[in-house]
């Protein structure tokens, strides 16, 4: 099982940028698809973005297309979510996720899902 640790959250003004990192550890960490979800208190966790193990294919929620970019560095077992043009509605706890297939990450959860502990992103207006 892969272990995930997020970093990079914080407070940013509307229109600003933040970069979230997800450090993965485990013997087969580089073979997992990686993704990001977010959750506002009292609401369901939502899919944000996903990338396959090779970095070839990426997927985004409509609400973040054109503003967020997901990438990965398999040499460092790290996933990145670059967030630009941030809006107040982007405020949430962001969770890194890993799964055996990128298609599984398009679902809120799955049998083989691993989660990070979450990092708070707050966009102030």
N, C-alpha and C. Protein backbone atom coordinates (compact mmCIF):
# COMPACT_ATOMS: atom_id res chain seq x y z
N UNK A 1 0.85 -1.19 0.00
CA UNK A 1 0.00 0.00 0.00
C UNK A 1 0.88 1.24 0.00
N UNK A 2 0.50 2.22 -0.77
CA UNK A 2 1.27 3.45 -0.87
C UNK A 2 0.83 4.41 0.24
N UNK A 3 1.76 5.19 0.76
CA UNK A 3 1.47 6.23 1.75
C UNK A 3 1.65 7.60 1.11
N UNK A 4 0.78 8.53 1.46
CA UNK A 4 0.77 9.85 0.82
C UNK A 4 0.81 10.95 1.87
N UNK A 5 1.61 11.99 1.58
CA UNK A 5 1.70 13.15 2.47
C UNK A 5 1.62 14.41 1.61
N UNK A 6 0.61 15.24 1.87
CA UNK A 6 0.45 16.48 1.12
C UNK A 6 1.18 17.62 1.82
N UNK A 7 1.50 18.63 1.02
CA UNK A 7 2.04 19.88 1.55
C UNK A 7 1.72 21.00 0.57
N UNK A 8 1.81 22.24 1.06
CA UNK A 8 1.68 23.38 0.17
C UNK A 8 0.39 24.16 0.28
N UNK A 9 -0.51 23.74 1.14
CA UNK A 9 -1.75 24.50 1.30
C UNK A 9 -1.49 25.82 2.01
N UNK A 10 -2.54 26.65 2.09
CA UNK A 10 -2.38 27.92 2.79
C UNK A 10 -3.46 28.91 2.39
N UNK A 11 -3.20 30.17 2.69
CA UNK A 11 -4.13 31.26 2.42
C UNK A 11 -3.63 32.06 1.23
N UNK A 12 -4.52 32.34 0.29
CA UNK A 12 -4.16 33.10 -0.90
C UNK A 12 -5.32 34.00 -1.28
N UNK A 13 -5.03 35.11 -1.92
CA UNK A 13 -6.08 36.02 -2.36
C UNK A 13 -6.68 35.56 -3.68
N UNK A 14 -7.87 36.04 -3.95
CA UNK A 14 -8.54 35.73 -5.22
C UNK A 14 -7.62 36.08 -6.38
N UNK A 15 -7.54 35.18 -7.35
CA UNK A 15 -6.69 35.38 -8.51
C UNK A 15 -5.27 34.91 -8.33
N UNK A 16 -4.93 34.52 -7.11
CA UNK A 16 -3.57 34.07 -6.83
C UNK A 16 -3.35 32.61 -7.20
N UNK A 17 -2.16 32.12 -6.84
CA UNK A 17 -1.75 30.76 -7.19
C UNK A 17 -1.21 30.03 -5.98
N UNK A 18 -1.38 28.72 -5.99
CA UNK A 18 -0.79 27.83 -4.99
C UNK A 18 -0.38 26.54 -5.68
N UNK A 19 0.66 25.91 -5.13
CA UNK A 19 1.08 24.62 -5.65
C UNK A 19 1.04 23.61 -4.51
N UNK A 20 0.32 22.53 -4.70
CA UNK A 20 0.24 21.45 -3.72
C UNK A 20 1.14 20.30 -4.17
N UNK A 21 1.81 19.71 -3.20
CA UNK A 21 2.66 18.55 -3.48
C UNK A 21 2.15 17.34 -2.73
N UNK A 22 2.38 16.17 -3.30
CA UNK A 22 1.99 14.91 -2.68
C UNK A 22 3.17 13.96 -2.79
N UNK A 23 3.78 13.67 -1.66
CA UNK A 23 4.91 12.75 -1.63
C UNK A 23 4.40 11.35 -1.36
N UNK A 24 4.74 10.44 -2.26
CA UNK A 24 4.29 9.06 -2.15
C UNK A 24 5.45 8.17 -1.73
N UNK A 25 5.16 7.23 -0.87
CA UNK A 25 6.18 6.28 -0.45
C UNK A 25 5.59 4.88 -0.50
N UNK A 26 6.45 3.91 -0.66
CA UNK A 26 6.02 2.54 -0.82
C UNK A 26 6.73 1.93 -2.00
N UNK A 27 6.84 0.64 -1.98
CA UNK A 27 7.66 -0.07 -2.96
C UNK A 27 7.19 0.16 -4.39
N UNK A 28 5.90 0.32 -4.61
CA UNK A 28 5.37 0.46 -5.97
C UNK A 28 4.71 1.82 -6.19
N UNK A 29 5.16 2.83 -5.46
CA UNK A 29 4.50 4.14 -5.51
C UNK A 29 4.43 4.70 -6.92
N UNK A 30 5.46 4.56 -7.72
CA UNK A 30 5.49 5.16 -9.05
C UNK A 30 4.54 4.47 -10.02
N UNK A 31 4.02 3.31 -9.66
CA UNK A 31 3.11 2.60 -10.57
C UNK A 31 1.64 2.97 -10.34
N UNK A 32 1.36 3.78 -9.34
CA UNK A 32 0.00 4.18 -9.02
C UNK A 32 -0.41 5.41 -9.82
N UNK A 33 -1.66 5.46 -10.20
CA UNK A 33 -2.24 6.70 -10.69
C UNK A 33 -2.44 7.62 -9.49
N UNK A 34 -2.35 8.92 -9.71
CA UNK A 34 -2.48 9.88 -8.61
C UNK A 34 -3.57 10.90 -8.93
N UNK A 35 -4.17 11.41 -7.90
CA UNK A 35 -5.24 12.38 -8.12
C UNK A 35 -5.41 13.31 -6.94
N UNK A 36 -6.27 14.29 -7.12
CA UNK A 36 -6.60 15.25 -6.08
C UNK A 36 -8.12 15.37 -5.96
N UNK A 37 -8.55 15.43 -4.72
CA UNK A 37 -9.96 15.65 -4.40
C UNK A 37 -10.03 16.82 -3.42
N UNK A 38 -11.21 17.38 -3.26
CA UNK A 38 -11.37 18.43 -2.26
C UNK A 38 -12.71 18.28 -1.57
N UNK A 39 -12.75 18.80 -0.36
CA UNK A 39 -13.96 18.65 0.44
C UNK A 39 -14.17 19.88 1.30
N UNK A 40 -15.39 20.38 1.25
CA UNK A 40 -15.83 21.47 2.12
C UNK A 40 -16.62 20.84 3.25
N UNK A 41 -16.45 21.37 4.44
CA UNK A 41 -17.12 20.82 5.61
C UNK A 41 -18.63 20.70 5.38
N UNK A 42 -19.16 19.50 5.64
CA UNK A 42 -20.58 19.26 5.48
C UNK A 42 -21.00 18.85 4.08
N UNK A 43 -20.03 18.80 3.16
CA UNK A 43 -20.34 18.41 1.79
C UNK A 43 -19.53 17.19 1.39
N UNK A 44 -19.92 16.57 0.28
CA UNK A 44 -19.23 15.39 -0.20
C UNK A 44 -17.87 15.75 -0.78
N UNK A 45 -16.97 14.79 -0.69
CA UNK A 45 -15.66 14.96 -1.32
C UNK A 45 -15.84 14.96 -2.84
N UNK A 46 -15.13 15.86 -3.53
CA UNK A 46 -15.28 16.01 -4.97
C UNK A 46 -13.97 15.76 -5.70
N UNK A 47 -14.10 15.17 -6.85
CA UNK A 47 -12.94 14.96 -7.73
C UNK A 47 -12.44 16.30 -8.28
N UNK A 48 -11.13 16.46 -8.33
CA UNK A 48 -10.52 17.67 -8.89
C UNK A 48 -9.70 17.33 -10.14
N UNK A 49 -8.76 16.41 -10.01
CA UNK A 49 -7.87 16.10 -11.13
C UNK A 49 -7.22 14.73 -10.90
N UNK A 50 -6.78 14.10 -12.00
CA UNK A 50 -6.11 12.82 -11.91
C UNK A 50 -5.10 12.69 -13.05
N UNK A 51 -4.09 11.85 -12.82
CA UNK A 51 -3.04 11.62 -13.80
C UNK A 51 -2.65 10.15 -13.74
N UNK A 52 -2.41 9.54 -14.89
CA UNK A 52 -2.05 8.13 -14.88
C UNK A 52 -0.60 7.94 -14.44
N UNK A 53 -0.17 6.69 -14.29
CA UNK A 53 1.14 6.42 -13.70
C UNK A 53 2.28 6.98 -14.55
N UNK A 54 2.09 7.03 -15.87
CA UNK A 54 3.14 7.50 -16.77
C UNK A 54 3.15 9.03 -16.92
N UNK A 55 2.07 9.68 -16.50
CA UNK A 55 1.97 11.12 -16.71
C UNK A 55 1.41 11.49 -18.08
N UNK A 56 1.01 10.51 -18.86
CA UNK A 56 0.55 10.75 -20.23
C UNK A 56 -0.86 11.31 -20.28
N UNK A 57 -1.74 10.79 -19.45
CA UNK A 57 -3.16 11.15 -19.50
C UNK A 57 -3.57 11.87 -18.22
N UNK A 58 -4.26 12.99 -18.41
CA UNK A 58 -4.76 13.77 -17.28
C UNK A 58 -6.26 14.01 -17.42
N UNK A 59 -6.90 14.21 -16.29
CA UNK A 59 -8.34 14.43 -16.25
C UNK A 59 -8.62 15.54 -15.23
N UNK A 60 -9.63 16.36 -15.55
CA UNK A 60 -9.96 17.48 -14.67
C UNK A 60 -11.46 17.62 -14.50
N UNK A 61 -11.86 18.09 -13.33
CA UNK A 61 -13.24 18.50 -13.14
C UNK A 61 -13.49 19.76 -13.97
N UNK A 62 -14.70 19.91 -14.46
CA UNK A 62 -15.01 21.08 -15.30
C UNK A 62 -14.72 22.39 -14.56
N UNK A 63 -14.92 22.39 -13.26
CA UNK A 63 -14.78 23.61 -12.48
C UNK A 63 -13.33 24.11 -12.38
N UNK A 64 -12.36 23.25 -12.71
CA UNK A 64 -10.95 23.66 -12.59
C UNK A 64 -10.21 23.63 -13.92
N UNK A 65 -10.85 23.18 -14.97
CA UNK A 65 -10.19 23.11 -16.28
C UNK A 65 -9.69 24.48 -16.70
N UNK A 66 -8.45 24.50 -17.20
CA UNK A 66 -7.86 25.76 -17.64
C UNK A 66 -7.21 26.56 -16.53
N UNK A 67 -7.46 26.18 -15.27
CA UNK A 67 -6.86 26.90 -14.13
C UNK A 67 -5.90 26.01 -13.33
N UNK A 68 -6.20 24.73 -13.23
CA UNK A 68 -5.37 23.80 -12.46
C UNK A 68 -4.61 22.88 -13.42
N UNK A 69 -3.41 22.50 -13.01
CA UNK A 69 -2.61 21.55 -13.78
C UNK A 69 -2.06 20.48 -12.85
N UNK A 70 -2.28 19.23 -13.20
CA UNK A 70 -1.74 18.12 -12.43
C UNK A 70 -0.54 17.54 -13.16
N UNK A 71 0.48 17.19 -12.40
CA UNK A 71 1.68 16.60 -12.99
C UNK A 71 2.30 15.65 -11.97
N UNK A 72 3.33 14.94 -12.39
CA UNK A 72 4.01 14.03 -11.46
C UNK A 72 5.47 13.88 -11.85
N UNK A 73 6.28 13.58 -10.88
CA UNK A 73 7.70 13.32 -11.08
C UNK A 73 7.97 11.94 -10.49
N UNK A 74 8.00 10.93 -11.33
CA UNK A 74 8.14 9.56 -10.82
C UNK A 74 9.52 9.30 -10.22
N UNK A 75 10.52 10.05 -10.66
CA UNK A 75 11.85 9.88 -10.07
C UNK A 75 11.85 10.27 -8.59
N UNK A 76 10.96 11.20 -8.25
CA UNK A 76 10.86 11.65 -6.86
C UNK A 76 9.60 11.17 -6.18
N UNK A 77 8.81 10.35 -6.88
CA UNK A 77 7.54 9.85 -6.32
C UNK A 77 6.68 10.99 -5.78
N UNK A 78 6.54 12.02 -6.58
CA UNK A 78 5.82 13.22 -6.15
C UNK A 78 4.77 13.62 -7.19
N UNK A 79 3.62 13.99 -6.70
CA UNK A 79 2.57 14.54 -7.53
C UNK A 79 2.38 16.01 -7.21
N UNK A 80 2.04 16.80 -8.21
CA UNK A 80 1.90 18.25 -8.06
C UNK A 80 0.53 18.69 -8.58
N UNK A 81 -0.10 19.59 -7.86
CA UNK A 81 -1.30 20.26 -8.36
C UNK A 81 -1.02 21.75 -8.36
N UNK A 82 -0.84 22.32 -9.53
CA UNK A 82 -0.62 23.76 -9.67
C UNK A 82 -1.97 24.42 -9.85
N UNK A 83 -2.29 25.34 -8.96
CA UNK A 83 -3.61 25.99 -8.98
C UNK A 83 -3.42 27.48 -9.26
N UNK A 84 -3.97 27.95 -10.37
CA UNK A 84 -3.89 29.35 -10.76
C UNK A 84 -5.28 29.97 -10.81
N UNK A 85 -5.33 31.28 -10.83
CA UNK A 85 -6.60 32.02 -10.92
C UNK A 85 -7.60 31.50 -9.89
N UNK A 86 -7.15 31.41 -8.67
CA UNK A 86 -7.98 30.82 -7.62
C UNK A 86 -9.19 31.68 -7.30
N UNK A 87 -10.28 31.00 -6.97
CA UNK A 87 -11.55 31.63 -6.66
C UNK A 87 -11.97 31.27 -5.22
N UNK A 88 -12.83 32.06 -4.62
CA UNK A 88 -13.30 31.71 -3.26
C UNK A 88 -13.91 30.31 -3.20
N UNK A 89 -14.57 29.89 -4.26
CA UNK A 89 -15.19 28.56 -4.27
C UNK A 89 -14.19 27.42 -4.36
N UNK A 90 -12.91 27.73 -4.52
CA UNK A 90 -11.87 26.71 -4.47
C UNK A 90 -11.45 26.41 -3.03
N UNK A 91 -11.94 27.18 -2.08
CA UNK A 91 -11.62 26.95 -0.68
C UNK A 91 -12.12 25.58 -0.23
N UNK A 92 -11.22 24.78 0.32
CA UNK A 92 -11.56 23.42 0.74
C UNK A 92 -10.32 22.76 1.34
N UNK A 93 -10.53 21.59 1.91
CA UNK A 93 -9.40 20.72 2.25
C UNK A 93 -9.12 19.86 1.02
N UNK A 94 -7.89 19.88 0.59
CA UNK A 94 -7.48 19.14 -0.60
C UNK A 94 -6.78 17.85 -0.18
N UNK A 95 -7.20 16.74 -0.78
CA UNK A 95 -6.66 15.43 -0.47
C UNK A 95 -5.97 14.83 -1.69
N UNK A 96 -4.78 14.34 -1.49
CA UNK A 96 -4.09 13.56 -2.51
C UNK A 96 -4.61 12.13 -2.44
N UNK A 97 -4.70 11.48 -3.59
CA UNK A 97 -5.17 10.11 -3.65
C UNK A 97 -4.32 9.32 -4.63
N UNK A 98 -4.23 8.03 -4.38
CA UNK A 98 -3.55 7.11 -5.30
C UNK A 98 -4.41 5.89 -5.49
N UNK A 99 -4.36 5.34 -6.68
CA UNK A 99 -5.17 4.17 -6.99
C UNK A 99 -4.47 3.35 -8.05
N UNK A 100 -4.94 2.14 -8.24
CA UNK A 100 -4.28 1.23 -9.17
C UNK A 100 -4.53 1.59 -10.63
N UNK A 101 -5.56 2.36 -10.92
CA UNK A 101 -5.85 2.78 -12.29
C UNK A 101 -6.43 4.19 -12.28
N UNK A 102 -6.10 4.98 -13.28
CA UNK A 102 -6.57 6.36 -13.31
C UNK A 102 -8.10 6.42 -13.43
N UNK A 103 -8.68 5.43 -14.12
CA UNK A 103 -10.14 5.44 -14.25
C UNK A 103 -10.81 5.30 -12.88
N UNK A 104 -10.17 4.60 -11.97
CA UNK A 104 -10.73 4.46 -10.61
C UNK A 104 -10.74 5.79 -9.89
N UNK A 105 -9.80 6.67 -10.20
CA UNK A 105 -9.73 7.97 -9.55
C UNK A 105 -10.84 8.91 -10.01
N UNK A 106 -11.54 8.56 -11.06
CA UNK A 106 -12.67 9.38 -11.49
C UNK A 106 -13.90 9.15 -10.61
N UNK A 107 -13.80 8.16 -9.73
CA UNK A 107 -14.84 7.89 -8.74
C UNK A 107 -14.40 8.47 -7.40
N UNK A 108 -15.35 8.74 -6.54
CA UNK A 108 -15.03 9.36 -5.25
C UNK A 108 -14.17 8.44 -4.40
N UNK A 109 -14.39 7.13 -4.49
CA UNK A 109 -13.57 6.19 -3.74
C UNK A 109 -13.55 4.86 -4.48
N UNK A 110 -12.66 3.96 -4.04
CA UNK A 110 -12.60 2.64 -4.63
C UNK A 110 -11.93 1.70 -3.64
N UNK A 111 -11.91 0.42 -3.99
CA UNK A 111 -11.39 -0.61 -3.08
C UNK A 111 -9.91 -0.41 -2.78
N UNK A 112 -9.14 0.09 -3.75
CA UNK A 112 -7.69 0.15 -3.60
C UNK A 112 -7.19 1.57 -3.34
N UNK A 113 -8.07 2.48 -2.95
CA UNK A 113 -7.71 3.88 -2.80
C UNK A 113 -6.83 4.12 -1.57
N UNK A 114 -5.81 4.93 -1.75
CA UNK A 114 -5.01 5.45 -0.64
C UNK A 114 -5.20 6.95 -0.58
N UNK A 115 -5.27 7.51 0.63
CA UNK A 115 -5.51 8.93 0.82
C UNK A 115 -4.40 9.57 1.66
N UNK A 116 -4.11 10.83 1.35
CA UNK A 116 -3.28 11.62 2.23
C UNK A 116 -4.12 12.20 3.35
N UNK A 117 -3.47 12.98 4.22
CA UNK A 117 -4.15 13.50 5.41
C UNK A 117 -4.93 14.78 5.12
N UNK A 118 -4.68 15.40 3.98
CA UNK A 118 -5.39 16.62 3.60
C UNK A 118 -4.63 17.88 3.95
N UNK A 119 -4.82 18.90 3.14
CA UNK A 119 -4.20 20.21 3.39
C UNK A 119 -5.23 21.29 3.06
N UNK A 120 -5.32 22.30 3.92
CA UNK A 120 -6.32 23.35 3.76
C UNK A 120 -5.87 24.38 2.75
N UNK A 121 -6.77 24.72 1.85
CA UNK A 121 -6.57 25.83 0.91
C UNK A 121 -7.70 26.83 1.14
N UNK A 122 -7.34 28.07 1.42
CA UNK A 122 -8.33 29.12 1.66
C UNK A 122 -8.07 30.27 0.70
N UNK A 123 -9.09 30.63 -0.07
CA UNK A 123 -8.98 31.73 -1.01
C UNK A 123 -9.84 32.87 -0.49
N UNK A 124 -9.20 33.99 -0.18
CA UNK A 124 -9.92 35.13 0.41
C UNK A 124 -10.23 36.18 -0.64
N UNK A 125 -11.37 36.82 -0.47
CA UNK A 125 -11.80 37.84 -1.44
C UNK A 125 -11.78 39.22 -0.79
